[in-house]
Amino acid sequence: MNGVRVGKRVIGADSPVTIGWENLPQVEGGPVKRFVFTWFQPAVLFTMILFWFYAPNSIATASTAIAIGIGFKVLLLALEWVNPRYASWRLTWKELVTDLFFVGLGYTILGTVDNYIGSAVVIEAIQKSFDWDKLAWFSALPLLVQAFFILLIFDFGQYWMHRGMHNWYPLWLTHSVHHYITQLNINKGAVGNPVELFLIGLGIGGFFDFLPRAFLLAGGVGMAIGTYQHINVRFNSPRWWLFLFNTTEHHSLHHSRDFEASRSNYSGTFIFIDRIFGTCVDGEAELLGMEGGHRMTIREQMTYPFTEAWKTTKELYGKRRYGQSQDQSQTVPAE
């Protein structure tokens, strides 16, 4: 397999991928279906902006945001059956139960841990220790600008955390579990080792005095953009959407069995961050996973980073001891 040269790299040498916007398959069907699946994403985005901008305070609450998020995922789950991107990604009961296990983990145990040692707690402790005042001037910015900064600050940090997970072995051990998924579905973003899920959620937005409504607006916009990364739906996304935002197409390449493709598209929301740092690859892939598509069990997903770390430690210790014994055997005793 020769692959395709993208910049200085060859993409697709290990596993088949599709490179380039012009080569992406299009939604098939009548004009109504093509219209819906072309403008669905922008319509949801602008609806979220208008709702969180103009909704009265009695409605603009965190509970409303949670309800909208759950309802939106249910809608996308239905779209996966109406217009799947790949038949091989169709959700099975086994996949659904596994996904829901990790979703429940995120809402319970991980949520509790985050309340005690998450980024918000750490930021509050730092501010109290050094008696820092928050940067209050941020609250004077337009609401939409504040929401954009919240998303950009978090996504910029997530980009470097994610990229670090692919380039530093200890972090890779925690993140590698997520790369053993063999299909993209609506809840696959929740699947991974708990250590990795905690680390990828850290951010520094709490240092800035953004308005509460700005955080709700940022959450709505982030939902309307980032939810599509792990989804089995074929869209005719507009070119400007593909240029600005990380899509299913981009993220499927990141999960490809091709090594070089998997080392691209690290951002969570704004793919233009990858474009700035030269890690963006436009295209998509159907064959996902690692080790030829090996699907991990829940037990493997929970223990893999620790068992692999133990194996690696033993191998390194064994090689060191072997090297020392070799050196000793080659030493000639002094006469």
Protein backbone atom coordinates (compact mmCIF):
# COMPACT_ATOMS: atom_id res chain seq x y z
CA MET A 1 0.00 0.00 0.00
CA ASN A 2 1.60 3.27 -1.14
CA GLY A 3 -0.53 5.86 0.66
CA VAL A 4 -0.98 9.55 -0.16
CA ARG A 5 1.60 12.25 0.52
CA VAL A 6 0.20 15.05 2.69
CA GLY A 7 2.87 17.66 3.31
CA LYS A 8 5.95 15.77 4.53
CA ARG A 9 4.01 12.67 5.58
CA VAL A 10 2.58 9.66 3.78
CA ILE A 11 -0.98 8.93 4.95
CA GLY A 12 -2.65 5.58 4.33
CA ALA A 13 0.41 3.36 3.98
CA ASP A 14 -0.79 1.04 6.78
CA SER A 15 -4.55 1.04 6.20
CA PRO A 16 -6.88 2.44 3.50
CA VAL A 17 -8.07 6.02 4.03
CA THR A 18 -9.74 8.71 1.93
CA ILE A 19 -7.79 11.95 1.57
CA GLY A 20 -9.21 15.28 0.36
CA TRP A 21 -12.64 16.95 0.58
CA GLU A 22 -13.35 16.27 -3.07
CA ASN A 23 -13.11 12.51 -2.48
CA LEU A 24 -15.60 12.33 0.41
CA PRO A 25 -18.80 10.36 -0.37
CA GLN A 26 -21.96 12.45 -0.56
CA VAL A 27 -25.44 11.93 0.87
CA GLU A 28 -27.59 10.02 -1.58
CA GLY A 29 -31.35 10.51 -1.99
CA GLY A 30 -33.87 13.16 -2.95
CA PRO A 31 -33.44 16.94 -2.71
CA VAL A 32 -35.12 17.15 0.72
CA LYS A 33 -32.77 14.58 2.25
CA ARG A 34 -29.71 16.23 0.71
CA PHE A 35 -30.88 19.64 1.96
CA VAL A 36 -31.48 18.38 5.52
CA PHE A 37 -28.12 16.62 5.81
CA THR A 38 -26.29 19.59 4.29
CA TRP A 39 -27.66 22.29 6.59
CA PHE A 40 -28.51 20.29 9.73
CA GLN A 41 -25.23 21.12 11.49
CA PRO A 42 -25.22 24.89 10.79
CA ALA A 43 -28.92 25.10 11.70
CA VAL A 44 -28.34 23.47 15.09
CA LEU A 45 -25.36 25.74 15.75
CA PHE A 46 -27.26 28.96 15.02
CA THR A 47 -30.26 27.70 16.99
CA MET A 48 -28.07 27.11 20.05
CA ILE A 49 -26.56 30.59 19.74
CA LEU A 50 -29.98 32.25 19.52
CA PHE A 51 -31.48 30.17 22.33
CA TRP A 52 -28.74 30.76 24.89
CA PHE A 53 -28.43 34.40 23.87
CA TYR A 54 -32.11 35.30 24.26
CA ALA A 55 -33.55 32.67 26.67
CA PRO A 56 -34.88 34.17 29.93
CA ASN A 57 -32.88 33.49 33.10
CA SER A 58 -35.60 31.18 34.39
CA ILE A 59 -34.90 28.82 31.46
CA ALA A 60 -31.18 29.42 30.91
CA THR A 61 -29.97 27.02 33.60
CA ALA A 62 -27.55 24.11 33.87
CA SER A 63 -30.44 21.65 34.12
CA THR A 64 -31.80 22.95 30.82
CA ALA A 65 -28.38 22.49 29.23
CA ILE A 66 -28.24 18.88 30.46
CA ALA A 67 -31.74 18.17 29.12
CA ILE A 68 -30.87 19.68 25.72
CA GLY A 69 -27.65 17.67 25.58
CA ILE A 70 -29.44 14.38 26.30
CA GLY A 71 -32.22 15.16 23.83
CA PHE A 72 -29.72 16.10 21.13
CA LYS A 73 -27.87 12.81 21.56
CA VAL A 74 -31.13 10.88 21.29
CA LEU A 75 -31.89 12.74 18.05
CA LEU A 76 -28.44 11.93 16.65
CA LEU A 77 -28.86 8.31 17.68
CA ALA A 78 -31.99 8.20 15.53
CA LEU A 79 -30.12 9.83 12.63
CA GLU A 80 -27.51 7.07 12.83
CA TRP A 81 -30.23 4.61 11.79
CA VAL A 82 -31.73 6.91 9.16
CA ASN A 83 -28.54 7.90 7.36
CA PRO A 84 -25.48 5.92 8.56
CA ARG A 85 -22.03 6.90 7.35
CA TYR A 86 -20.91 3.26 7.23
CA ALA A 87 -22.98 0.09 7.62
CA SER A 88 -20.01 -1.51 9.41
CA TRP A 89 -20.41 1.09 12.18
CA ARG A 90 -24.06 0.24 12.91
CA LEU A 91 -24.69 0.15 16.63
CA THR A 92 -25.16 -3.31 18.15
CA TRP A 93 -26.55 -4.13 21.59
CA LYS A 94 -23.07 -5.09 22.76
CA GLU A 95 -21.63 -1.75 21.65
CA LEU A 96 -24.58 0.16 23.13
CA VAL A 97 -24.27 -1.50 26.55
CA THR A 98 -20.52 -0.85 26.62
CA ASP A 99 -21.03 2.80 25.64
CA LEU A 100 -23.71 3.33 28.30
CA PHE A 101 -21.41 1.83 30.95
CA PHE A 102 -18.82 4.54 30.26
CA VAL A 103 -21.47 7.27 30.00
CA GLY A 104 -22.73 6.25 33.44
CA LEU A 105 -19.15 6.21 34.72
CA GLY A 106 -18.69 9.77 33.55
CA TYR A 107 -21.86 11.02 35.25
CA THR A 108 -21.14 9.26 38.56
CA ILE A 109 -17.61 8.32 39.65
CA LEU A 110 -15.68 10.62 37.32
CA GLY A 111 -18.05 13.48 38.08
CA THR A 112 -17.49 13.01 41.80
CA VAL A 113 -13.71 12.85 41.41
CA ASP A 114 -13.77 16.01 39.29
CA ASN A 115 -15.61 17.85 42.08
CA TYR A 116 -12.69 17.14 44.44
CA ILE A 117 -9.54 17.30 42.29
CA GLY A 118 -10.73 18.69 38.94
CA SER A 119 -9.37 21.81 37.25
CA ALA A 120 -12.00 24.07 38.87
CA VAL A 121 -10.87 22.99 42.35
CA VAL A 122 -7.18 23.42 41.53
CA ILE A 123 -7.76 26.87 40.01
CA GLU A 124 -9.73 28.00 43.06
CA ALA A 125 -6.94 26.82 45.36
CA ILE A 126 -4.29 28.67 43.33
CA GLN A 127 -6.32 31.87 43.32
CA LYS A 128 -6.80 31.72 47.11
CA SER A 129 -3.18 30.85 47.81
CA PHE A 130 -1.79 33.78 45.84
CA ASP A 131 -4.72 36.12 46.50
CA TRP A 132 -5.22 36.66 42.77
CA ASP A 133 -8.13 38.70 41.52
CA LYS A 134 -9.88 37.28 38.52
CA LEU A 135 -9.47 39.08 35.22
CA ALA A 136 -12.75 40.96 35.63
CA TRP A 137 -12.44 42.86 32.36
CA PHE A 138 -13.42 39.70 30.49
CA SER A 139 -16.98 40.10 31.80
CA ALA A 140 -17.31 43.35 29.83
CA LEU A 141 -16.78 41.61 26.49
CA PRO A 142 -19.81 40.75 24.30
CA LEU A 143 -21.47 37.52 25.38
CA LEU A 144 -20.71 35.68 22.14
CA VAL A 145 -17.04 36.73 22.33
CA GLN A 146 -16.82 35.41 25.89
CA ALA A 147 -18.31 32.08 24.79
CA PHE A 148 -15.81 31.86 21.92
CA PHE A 149 -12.89 32.51 24.29
CA ILE A 150 -14.15 29.84 26.71
CA LEU A 151 -14.24 27.28 23.89
CA LEU A 152 -10.92 28.40 22.39
CA ILE A 153 -9.03 28.36 25.70
CA PHE A 154 -10.31 24.88 26.55
CA ASP A 155 -9.75 23.48 23.05
CA PHE A 156 -6.24 24.94 22.81
CA GLY A 157 -5.32 23.20 26.06
CA GLN A 158 -7.04 20.01 24.95
CA TYR A 159 -5.10 20.08 21.68
CA TRP A 160 -1.74 20.03 23.48
CA MET A 161 -2.90 17.50 26.07
CA HIS A 162 -4.18 15.22 23.29
CA ARG A 163 -1.03 15.68 21.22
CA GLY A 164 1.07 14.96 24.30
CA MET A 165 -0.86 11.74 24.82
CA HIS A 166 0.34 10.57 21.41
CA ASN A 167 3.95 11.58 21.97
CA TRP A 168 4.74 10.75 25.61
CA TYR A 169 4.52 7.07 26.52
CA PRO A 170 3.04 7.39 30.05
CA LEU A 171 0.19 9.54 28.72
CA TRP A 172 -0.19 7.31 25.67
CA LEU A 173 -0.86 4.33 27.93
CA THR A 174 -3.94 6.08 29.32
CA HIS A 175 -5.13 7.33 25.91
CA SER A 176 -4.42 4.21 23.85
CA VAL A 177 -7.53 2.49 25.23
CA HIS A 178 -9.73 5.00 23.38
CA HIS A 179 -7.99 4.07 20.12
CA TYR A 180 -9.09 0.46 20.38
CA ILE A 181 -12.67 1.39 19.46
CA THR A 182 -13.54 -0.06 16.05
CA GLN A 183 -16.48 2.17 15.11
CA LEU A 184 -17.78 5.66 15.77
CA ASN A 185 -21.17 6.06 17.45
CA ILE A 186 -22.82 8.85 19.38
CA ASN A 187 -21.44 7.86 22.81
CA LYS A 188 -17.96 6.67 21.78
CA GLY A 189 -16.41 9.88 23.09
CA ALA A 190 -17.13 8.61 26.61
CA VAL A 191 -15.29 5.32 26.04
CA GLY A 192 -11.80 5.21 27.50
CA ASN A 193 -9.75 4.60 30.60
CA PRO A 194 -10.94 6.79 33.54
CA VAL A 195 -7.47 8.32 33.97
CA GLU A 196 -7.47 9.57 30.38
CA LEU A 197 -11.06 10.82 30.58
CA PHE A 198 -10.11 12.86 33.65
CA LEU A 199 -6.96 14.33 32.08
CA ILE A 200 -8.60 15.28 28.78
CA GLY A 201 -11.25 17.24 30.67
CA LEU A 202 -8.84 19.58 32.46
CA GLY A 203 -8.94 23.26 31.51
CA ILE A 204 -7.95 26.75 32.70
CA GLY A 205 -11.09 28.69 31.77
CA GLY A 206 -11.91 29.18 35.46
CA PHE A 207 -9.08 31.71 35.76
CA PHE A 208 -11.17 34.20 33.79
CA ASP A 209 -14.24 35.97 35.08
CA PHE A 210 -16.66 34.99 32.32
CA LEU A 211 -20.38 35.45 32.86
CA PRO A 212 -22.40 32.33 33.79
CA ARG A 213 -24.53 32.85 30.67
CA ALA A 214 -21.34 32.79 28.58
CA PHE A 215 -20.49 29.34 29.93
CA LEU A 216 -23.98 28.10 29.03
CA LEU A 217 -23.65 29.59 25.55
CA ALA A 218 -20.21 28.02 25.15
CA GLY A 219 -21.62 24.67 26.21
CA GLY A 220 -24.42 24.92 23.66
CA VAL A 221 -22.04 25.93 20.86
CA GLY A 222 -19.57 23.21 21.85
CA MET A 223 -22.37 20.65 21.79
CA ALA A 224 -23.49 21.83 18.35
CA ILE A 225 -19.95 21.44 16.98
CA GLY A 226 -18.09 18.76 18.92
CA THR A 227 -20.80 16.12 19.34
CA TYR A 228 -20.41 15.00 15.72
CA GLN A 229 -16.86 13.70 16.18
CA HIS A 230 -18.06 10.29 17.34
CA ILE A 231 -21.14 9.69 15.22
CA ASN A 232 -22.20 7.35 12.44
CA VAL A 233 -24.08 9.84 10.26
CA ARG A 234 -23.25 10.96 6.74
CA PHE A 235 -23.45 14.75 6.26
CA ASN A 236 -22.72 16.96 3.28
CA SER A 237 -20.94 19.43 5.53
CA PRO A 238 -20.33 22.87 3.93
CA ARG A 239 -16.71 23.61 3.08
CA TRP A 240 -16.48 26.40 5.67
CA TRP A 241 -17.64 23.93 8.33
CA LEU A 242 -14.97 21.41 7.33
CA PHE A 243 -12.34 24.16 7.37
CA LEU A 244 -13.20 25.50 10.85
CA PHE A 245 -14.46 22.57 12.88
CA ASN A 246 -13.29 19.08 13.78
CA THR A 247 -15.78 16.72 12.12
CA THR A 248 -16.51 13.00 11.98
CA GLU A 249 -14.38 12.90 8.86
CA HIS A 250 -11.36 14.36 10.63
CA HIS A 251 -11.82 12.26 13.74
CA SER A 252 -12.26 9.01 11.84
CA LEU A 253 -8.80 9.61 10.35
CA HIS A 254 -7.49 10.14 13.86
CA HIS A 255 -8.90 6.72 14.81
CA SER A 256 -7.68 5.06 11.63
CA ARG A 257 -5.53 1.93 11.72
CA ASP A 258 -3.01 3.93 9.72
CA PHE A 259 -0.29 5.19 12.08
CA GLU A 260 0.41 8.52 10.38
CA ALA A 261 -3.30 9.31 10.04
CA SER A 262 -3.81 8.66 13.75
CA ARG A 263 -1.21 11.33 14.54
CA SER A 264 -3.39 14.12 13.15
CA ASN A 265 -6.52 16.13 14.03
CA TYR A 266 -5.93 16.48 17.78
CA SER A 267 -8.28 19.37 18.54
CA GLY A 268 -11.66 18.71 20.05
CA THR A 269 -13.69 21.53 18.46
CA PHE A 270 -11.70 23.85 16.20
CA ILE A 271 -9.76 22.01 13.49
CA PHE A 272 -8.14 25.33 12.52
CA ILE A 273 -5.86 24.83 15.56
CA ASP A 274 -4.51 21.72 13.82
CA ARG A 275 -4.19 23.69 10.60
CA ILE A 276 -2.09 26.32 12.41
CA PHE A 277 0.30 23.71 13.84
CA GLY A 278 0.46 21.51 10.72
CA THR A 279 -1.34 18.47 12.15
CA CYS A 280 -4.57 18.68 10.14
CA VAL A 281 -5.41 16.03 7.54
CA ASP A 282 -8.68 16.32 5.61
CA GLY A 283 -10.41 13.08 4.70
CA GLU A 284 -11.97 10.09 6.43
CA ALA A 285 -11.48 6.41 7.23
CA GLU A 286 -13.77 3.43 7.78
CA LEU A 287 -11.35 0.88 9.26
CA LEU A 288 -10.67 1.98 12.83
CA GLY A 289 -8.82 0.65 15.85
CA MET A 290 -5.49 -0.93 16.63
CA GLU A 291 -3.94 -4.37 16.28
CA GLY A 292 -6.01 -5.06 13.18
CA GLY A 293 -9.25 -3.98 14.80
CA HIS A 294 -8.99 -5.76 18.17
CA ARG A 295 -11.98 -4.75 20.30
CA MET A 296 -11.21 -4.44 24.01
CA THR A 297 -13.52 -5.70 26.72
CA ILE A 298 -14.53 -3.36 29.54
CA ARG A 299 -12.10 -5.14 31.83
CA GLU A 300 -9.23 -4.60 29.39
CA GLN A 301 -10.16 -0.94 28.99
CA MET A 302 -10.08 -0.40 32.74
CA THR A 303 -6.79 -2.21 33.40
CA TYR A 304 -4.75 -1.89 30.17
CA PRO A 305 -2.65 1.20 31.10
CA PHE A 306 -1.60 -0.37 34.39
CA THR A 307 -0.85 -3.86 33.07
CA GLU A 308 1.13 -2.43 30.14
CA ALA A 309 3.05 -0.11 32.44
CA TRP A 310 3.96 -3.10 34.63
CA LYS A 311 5.09 -5.14 31.61
CA THR A 312 7.20 -2.27 30.28
CA THR A 313 8.80 -1.71 33.70
CA LYS A 314 9.70 -5.39 34.02
CA GLU A 315 11.18 -5.47 30.51
CA LEU A 316 13.31 -2.38 31.13
CA TYR A 317 14.46 -3.71 34.51
CA GLY A 318 15.24 -7.10 32.97
CA LYS A 319 17.27 -5.53 30.14
CA ARG A 320 19.19 -3.39 32.62
CA ARG A 321 20.03 -6.39 34.80
CA TYR A 322 21.00 -8.40 31.72
CA GLY A 323 23.27 -5.61 30.53
CA GLN A 324 24.94 -5.38 33.93
CA SER A 325 25.54 -9.14 34.06
CA GLN A 326 27.04 -9.01 30.56
CA ASP A 327 29.39 -6.23 31.58
CA GLN A 328 30.47 -8.17 34.65
CA SER A 329 31.13 -11.38 32.69
CA GLN A 330 33.31 -9.49 30.20
CA THR A 331 35.42 -7.85 32.91
CA VAL A 332 38.89 -9.42 33.15
CA PRO A 333 40.07 -9.82 36.76
CA ALA A 334 43.20 -7.85 37.54
CA GLU A 335 46.33 -9.91 38.12
